[in-house]
Amino acid sequence: MKQIAVRVTSTMVAGWILLSPPSSLAQDVRVEIETIFKEYLAAHPEEVGEIVKGYFINHPEVVGQILVETLKHRSALATTVRASSGVAAKAAADHSAAIASNSGALFTSPHQVTLGNPKGDVTLVEFFDYSCGYCKRALPDMLALLKDDPKLKIVLKEFPILGPGSLDAARVAIAVRMQGPGAQRYIAFHQELLDSPGPASKEKALAAARNQGIDMKRLEQDIGSDEVDVTLNENMKLASAVGITGTPGYIIGSDVVVGAIGLTGLKQQIGAARGMGVR
């Protein structure tokens, strides 16, 4: 039953992607979204099974529709995936130019959390989502770098792309950041929320903020502030500009690094940037 739930829900997700209005962004993120969903579904089959069961009871016609559309678009999807390899290679050559042209917003924006050495010789920027399983796995890597590399500057940017719960959690996180220039409270909140199992939600984010001694009355006011909207809009535009379509997504020096590549991989990228003198 668990395997069936995962397979059926994965089919629903694929069908939703295929039935969505075509756009260049949708084509770019299709494979990444499928990977993220499959990982989450495989890790939470009981929860998914109940959702699938309830939905299919109320909408029994959906399975046939999705399968028909999936088969109809299979050849088109294969063509898109083959073509995307060439597009990705071309985009990789343009990353340094895109990073340079957006360097102010990427590295020194007032709408971000900065950790480590503010004058570090290399900057690592992480785009993350509180519902992302890969981001949860990558958290210890970031904390290890923060502890062990005194010359590294780390920038955190909320990139909530995995649903309403992610967006609500990001809004709370930005409001937490607004309560002081220091990052100690934010990083404690950030760690607690990423350490929590399952997808993010406003309730989980508020609980983490409360546990870290955040002024909750002010927090509720700040969640709806212009600063939150400005921050999210800036992060979304930056991610699009430099070609980040999934989480975690890193900027290290003048390179874009996609995915949880592990502590060793991050250290190698930082070392390469440091060797080239790229901040």
Protein backbone atom coordinates (compact mmCIF):
# COMPACT_ATOMS: atom_id res chain seq x y z
CA MET A 1 0.00 0.00 0.00
CA LYS A 2 2.86 2.38 0.83
CA GLN A 3 4.55 1.79 -2.52
CA ILE A 4 1.25 2.20 -4.35
CA ALA A 5 0.59 5.50 -2.57
CA VAL A 6 4.00 6.81 -3.51
CA ARG A 7 3.67 5.74 -7.16
CA VAL A 8 0.15 7.10 -7.55
CA THR A 9 1.00 10.41 -5.92
CA SER A 10 4.14 10.73 -8.04
CA THR A 11 1.93 10.22 -11.09
CA MET A 12 -0.40 12.95 -9.85
CA VAL A 13 2.54 15.32 -9.40
CA ALA A 14 3.89 14.52 -12.86
CA GLY A 15 0.43 15.03 -14.31
CA TRP A 16 0.10 18.40 -12.58
CA ILE A 17 3.43 19.52 -13.99
CA LEU A 18 2.50 18.41 -17.49
CA LEU A 19 -0.92 20.04 -17.35
CA SER A 20 0.47 23.35 -16.07
CA PRO A 21 0.66 26.23 -18.55
CA PRO A 22 3.93 25.94 -20.53
CA SER A 23 6.69 28.37 -19.68
CA SER A 24 10.47 28.38 -19.74
CA LEU A 25 10.57 28.32 -15.93
CA ALA A 26 8.25 25.29 -15.79
CA GLN A 27 10.49 23.43 -18.23
CA ASP A 28 13.62 24.28 -16.26
CA VAL A 29 12.28 23.14 -12.89
CA ARG A 30 10.29 20.05 -13.94
CA VAL A 31 13.01 17.50 -13.19
CA GLU A 32 14.01 19.20 -9.93
CA ILE A 33 10.41 19.35 -8.69
CA GLU A 34 9.85 15.67 -9.51
CA THR A 35 12.97 14.70 -7.57
CA ILE A 36 11.99 16.74 -4.51
CA PHE A 37 8.45 15.38 -4.48
CA LYS A 38 9.54 11.77 -4.91
CA GLU A 39 11.97 12.06 -1.99
CA TYR A 40 9.32 13.52 0.28
CA LEU A 41 6.65 11.04 -0.81
CA ALA A 42 8.95 8.09 -0.25
CA ALA A 43 9.76 9.34 3.26
CA HIS A 44 6.12 9.98 4.26
CA PRO A 45 4.01 7.21 2.63
CA GLU A 46 1.41 7.01 5.43
CA GLU A 47 0.57 10.70 5.25
CA VAL A 48 0.53 10.62 1.46
CA GLY A 49 -1.65 7.50 1.39
CA GLU A 50 -4.39 9.20 3.37
CA ILE A 51 -4.30 12.26 1.11
CA VAL A 52 -4.47 10.10 -2.03
CA LYS A 53 -7.27 7.95 -0.66
CA GLY A 54 -9.44 10.92 0.27
CA TYR A 55 -8.85 12.68 -3.03
CA PHE A 56 -9.58 9.65 -5.19
CA ILE A 57 -12.79 8.89 -3.29
CA ASN A 58 -14.06 12.34 -4.20
CA HIS A 59 -12.53 12.48 -7.68
CA PRO A 60 -12.30 8.94 -9.17
CA GLU A 61 -12.06 10.28 -12.70
CA VAL A 62 -8.70 11.96 -12.07
CA VAL A 63 -6.48 8.87 -12.38
CA GLY A 64 -7.55 8.17 -15.94
CA GLN A 65 -7.15 11.80 -16.95
CA ILE A 66 -3.65 12.00 -15.53
CA LEU A 67 -2.50 8.78 -17.15
CA VAL A 68 -3.87 9.86 -20.54
CA GLU A 69 -2.14 13.23 -20.34
CA THR A 70 1.10 11.68 -19.09
CA LEU A 71 1.26 9.31 -22.06
CA LYS A 72 0.30 12.10 -24.44
CA HIS A 73 3.13 14.31 -23.27
CA ARG A 74 5.79 11.63 -22.75
CA SER A 75 7.51 12.17 -26.10
CA ALA A 76 7.40 15.94 -25.72
CA LEU A 77 8.88 15.66 -22.23
CA ALA A 78 11.70 13.43 -23.47
CA THR A 79 12.52 15.99 -26.16
CA THR A 80 12.56 18.77 -23.57
CA VAL A 81 14.87 16.84 -21.25
CA ARG A 82 17.31 16.06 -24.09
CA ALA A 83 17.34 19.69 -25.17
CA SER A 84 17.78 20.92 -21.61
CA SER A 85 21.31 19.47 -21.35
CA GLY A 86 22.52 21.87 -24.01
CA VAL A 87 20.68 24.78 -22.42
CA ALA A 88 22.18 23.98 -19.02
CA ALA A 89 25.71 23.89 -20.45
CA LYS A 90 25.18 27.27 -22.08
CA ALA A 91 23.72 28.74 -18.88
CA ALA A 92 26.70 27.54 -16.84
CA ALA A 93 29.01 29.71 -18.92
CA ASP A 94 26.87 32.73 -18.10
CA HIS A 95 26.75 32.30 -14.31
CA SER A 96 29.77 34.45 -13.51
CA ALA A 97 28.39 37.37 -15.51
CA ALA A 98 24.96 37.05 -13.89
CA ILE A 99 26.52 36.84 -10.42
CA ALA A 100 28.71 39.87 -11.08
CA SER A 101 25.80 41.97 -12.31
CA ASN A 102 23.76 41.05 -9.21
CA SER A 103 26.63 41.05 -6.71
CA GLY A 104 25.23 43.83 -4.52
CA ALA A 105 21.91 42.08 -3.92
CA LEU A 106 23.55 38.67 -3.62
CA PHE A 107 26.32 39.50 -1.18
CA THR A 108 25.48 42.74 0.66
CA SER A 109 21.71 43.14 0.54
CA PRO A 110 20.06 44.62 3.66
CA HIS A 111 17.35 41.96 3.19
CA GLN A 112 19.40 38.92 4.19
CA VAL A 113 21.03 37.10 7.08
CA THR A 114 24.84 37.27 7.14
CA LEU A 115 26.81 34.78 9.22
CA GLY A 116 30.49 34.15 9.80
CA ASN A 117 33.08 36.73 8.83
CA PRO A 118 31.36 39.78 7.25
CA LYS A 119 34.69 40.60 5.54
CA GLY A 120 35.48 37.03 4.57
CA ASP A 121 37.69 36.27 1.61
CA VAL A 122 34.98 34.00 0.11
CA THR A 123 31.19 34.31 0.31
CA LEU A 124 28.80 31.35 0.24
CA VAL A 125 25.18 32.25 -0.48
CA GLU A 126 22.55 29.58 0.22
CA PHE A 127 19.01 29.69 -1.19
CA PHE A 128 16.88 27.34 0.91
CA ASP A 129 13.34 26.15 1.62
CA TYR A 130 12.24 25.01 5.09
CA SER A 131 10.28 22.10 3.57
CA CYS A 132 13.23 20.85 1.52
CA GLY A 133 14.61 17.50 2.66
CA TYR A 134 17.94 18.26 0.99
CA CYS A 135 18.17 21.57 2.88
CA LYS A 136 17.58 19.70 6.13
CA ARG A 137 20.45 17.34 5.27
CA ALA A 138 22.69 20.25 4.28
CA LEU A 139 22.18 22.17 7.54
CA PRO A 140 25.02 20.39 9.42
CA ASP A 141 27.35 21.22 6.50
CA MET A 142 26.62 24.93 6.82
CA LEU A 143 27.01 24.84 10.61
CA ALA A 144 30.34 23.03 10.27
CA LEU A 145 31.62 25.62 7.80
CA LEU A 146 30.45 28.40 10.10
CA LYS A 147 32.41 26.86 12.98
CA ASP A 148 35.56 25.75 11.17
CA ASP A 149 36.23 28.42 8.52
CA PRO A 150 36.89 31.83 10.14
CA LYS A 151 37.51 33.45 6.75
CA LEU A 152 34.15 32.47 5.26
CA LYS A 153 31.13 34.75 4.91
CA ILE A 154 27.77 32.95 4.71
CA VAL A 155 24.58 34.54 3.41
CA LEU A 156 21.16 32.89 3.85
CA LYS A 157 18.27 33.68 1.50
CA GLU A 158 14.75 32.29 1.89
CA PHE A 159 13.55 30.66 -1.34
CA PRO A 160 10.13 29.12 -0.56
CA ILE A 161 9.22 27.11 -3.66
CA LEU A 162 7.64 24.00 -2.14
CA GLY A 163 4.17 25.22 -1.30
CA PRO A 164 2.15 27.49 1.00
CA GLY A 165 3.70 26.06 4.16
CA SER A 166 7.16 26.96 2.91
CA LEU A 167 6.03 30.49 2.11
CA ASP A 168 4.43 30.96 5.53
CA ALA A 169 7.58 29.69 7.26
CA ALA A 170 9.77 32.01 5.17
CA ARG A 171 7.64 35.02 6.15
CA VAL A 172 8.07 34.12 9.82
CA ALA A 173 11.82 33.67 9.32
CA ILE A 174 12.20 37.11 7.77
CA ALA A 175 10.22 38.62 10.64
CA VAL A 176 12.58 36.88 13.07
CA ARG A 177 15.56 38.40 11.24
CA MET A 178 13.97 41.85 11.58
CA GLN A 179 14.19 41.74 15.40
CA GLY A 180 17.88 42.52 15.64
CA PRO A 181 21.10 43.12 13.72
CA GLY A 182 22.77 40.04 15.20
CA ALA A 183 22.19 36.58 13.72
CA GLN A 184 22.29 34.45 16.89
CA ARG A 185 18.54 34.31 17.40
CA TYR A 186 17.92 33.78 13.73
CA ILE A 187 20.37 30.91 13.39
CA ALA A 188 18.91 29.19 16.47
CA PHE A 189 15.42 29.59 15.00
CA HIS A 190 16.66 28.50 11.57
CA GLN A 191 18.25 25.36 12.98
CA GLU A 192 15.20 24.39 15.02
CA LEU A 193 12.81 24.81 12.09
CA LEU A 194 15.01 22.93 9.61
CA ASP A 195 15.54 20.17 12.17
CA SER A 196 11.78 19.63 12.52
CA PRO A 197 10.50 16.62 10.54
CA GLY A 198 8.16 16.94 7.59
CA PRO A 199 7.06 19.98 5.63
CA ALA A 200 7.20 23.49 7.07
CA SER A 201 4.17 25.44 8.24
CA LYS A 202 3.36 28.74 9.90
CA GLU A 203 2.55 26.88 13.12
CA LYS A 204 5.96 25.16 13.22
CA ALA A 205 7.74 28.42 12.42
CA LEU A 206 5.88 30.34 15.15
CA ALA A 207 6.66 27.58 17.66
CA ALA A 208 10.37 27.75 16.79
CA ALA A 209 10.33 31.54 17.13
CA ARG A 210 8.58 31.30 20.50
CA ASN A 211 11.11 28.72 21.72
CA GLN A 212 13.96 31.09 20.85
CA GLY A 213 12.52 33.98 22.86
CA ILE A 214 11.35 36.09 19.93
CA ASP A 215 8.92 38.96 20.67
CA MET A 216 5.79 37.29 19.32
CA LYS A 217 3.60 40.39 19.32
CA ARG A 218 6.07 42.25 17.16
CA LEU A 219 6.61 39.14 15.04
CA GLU A 220 2.94 38.91 14.12
CA GLN A 221 3.03 42.54 12.99
CA ASP A 222 6.25 42.15 11.01
CA ILE A 223 5.02 39.08 9.11
CA GLY A 224 2.72 41.32 7.08
CA SER A 225 5.26 44.12 6.60
CA ASP A 226 6.65 45.49 3.34
CA GLU A 227 10.11 44.27 4.37
CA VAL A 228 8.96 40.65 4.16
CA ASP A 229 7.51 41.15 0.68
CA VAL A 230 10.58 43.05 -0.52
CA THR A 231 12.88 40.31 0.77
CA LEU A 232 10.95 37.50 -0.90
CA ASN A 233 10.64 39.36 -4.19
CA GLU A 234 14.37 40.11 -4.20
CA ASN A 235 15.27 36.49 -3.48
CA MET A 236 12.99 35.16 -6.21
CA LYS A 237 14.40 37.57 -8.79
CA LEU A 238 17.98 36.78 -7.78
CA ALA A 239 17.44 33.04 -8.04
CA SER A 240 15.95 33.45 -11.50
CA ALA A 241 18.74 35.78 -12.60
CA VAL A 242 21.55 33.37 -11.66
CA GLY A 243 19.77 30.17 -12.71
CA ILE A 244 18.86 28.65 -9.34
CA THR A 245 15.65 26.62 -9.69
CA GLY A 246 15.90 24.22 -6.74
CA THR A 247 17.04 24.02 -3.14
CA PRO A 248 19.54 24.11 -1.72
CA GLY A 249 21.15 26.33 -4.31
CA TYR A 250 24.52 27.94 -3.60
CA ILE A 251 26.56 30.80 -4.95
CA ILE A 252 30.21 30.21 -4.08
CA GLY A 253 32.54 32.84 -5.44
CA SER A 254 31.51 33.18 -9.07
CA ASP A 255 29.92 29.72 -9.39
CA VAL A 256 26.40 28.34 -9.00
CA VAL A 257 26.27 25.01 -7.16
CA VAL A 258 22.97 23.14 -7.15
CA GLY A 259 22.02 20.49 -4.60
CA ALA A 260 23.26 19.16 -1.26
CA ILE A 261 26.79 18.28 -2.33
CA GLY A 262 28.01 17.58 1.20
CA LEU A 263 30.62 19.21 3.40
CA THR A 264 33.57 17.92 1.38
CA GLY A 265 32.06 19.21 -1.86
CA LEU A 266 31.38 22.63 -0.36
CA LYS A 267 34.91 22.85 1.01
CA GLN A 268 36.30 22.00 -2.42
CA GLN A 269 34.22 24.74 -4.04
CA ILE A 270 35.25 27.26 -1.37
CA GLY A 271 38.90 26.26 -1.78
CA ALA A 272 38.69 26.72 -5.53
CA ALA A 273 37.15 30.18 -5.13
CA ARG A 274 39.76 31.08 -2.54
CA GLY A 275 42.56 29.91 -4.81
CA MET A 276 41.25 32.12 -7.61
CA GLY A 277 40.88 35.09 -5.28
CA VAL A 278 37.13 35.29 -5.97
CA ARG A 279 35.13 36.72 -3.08
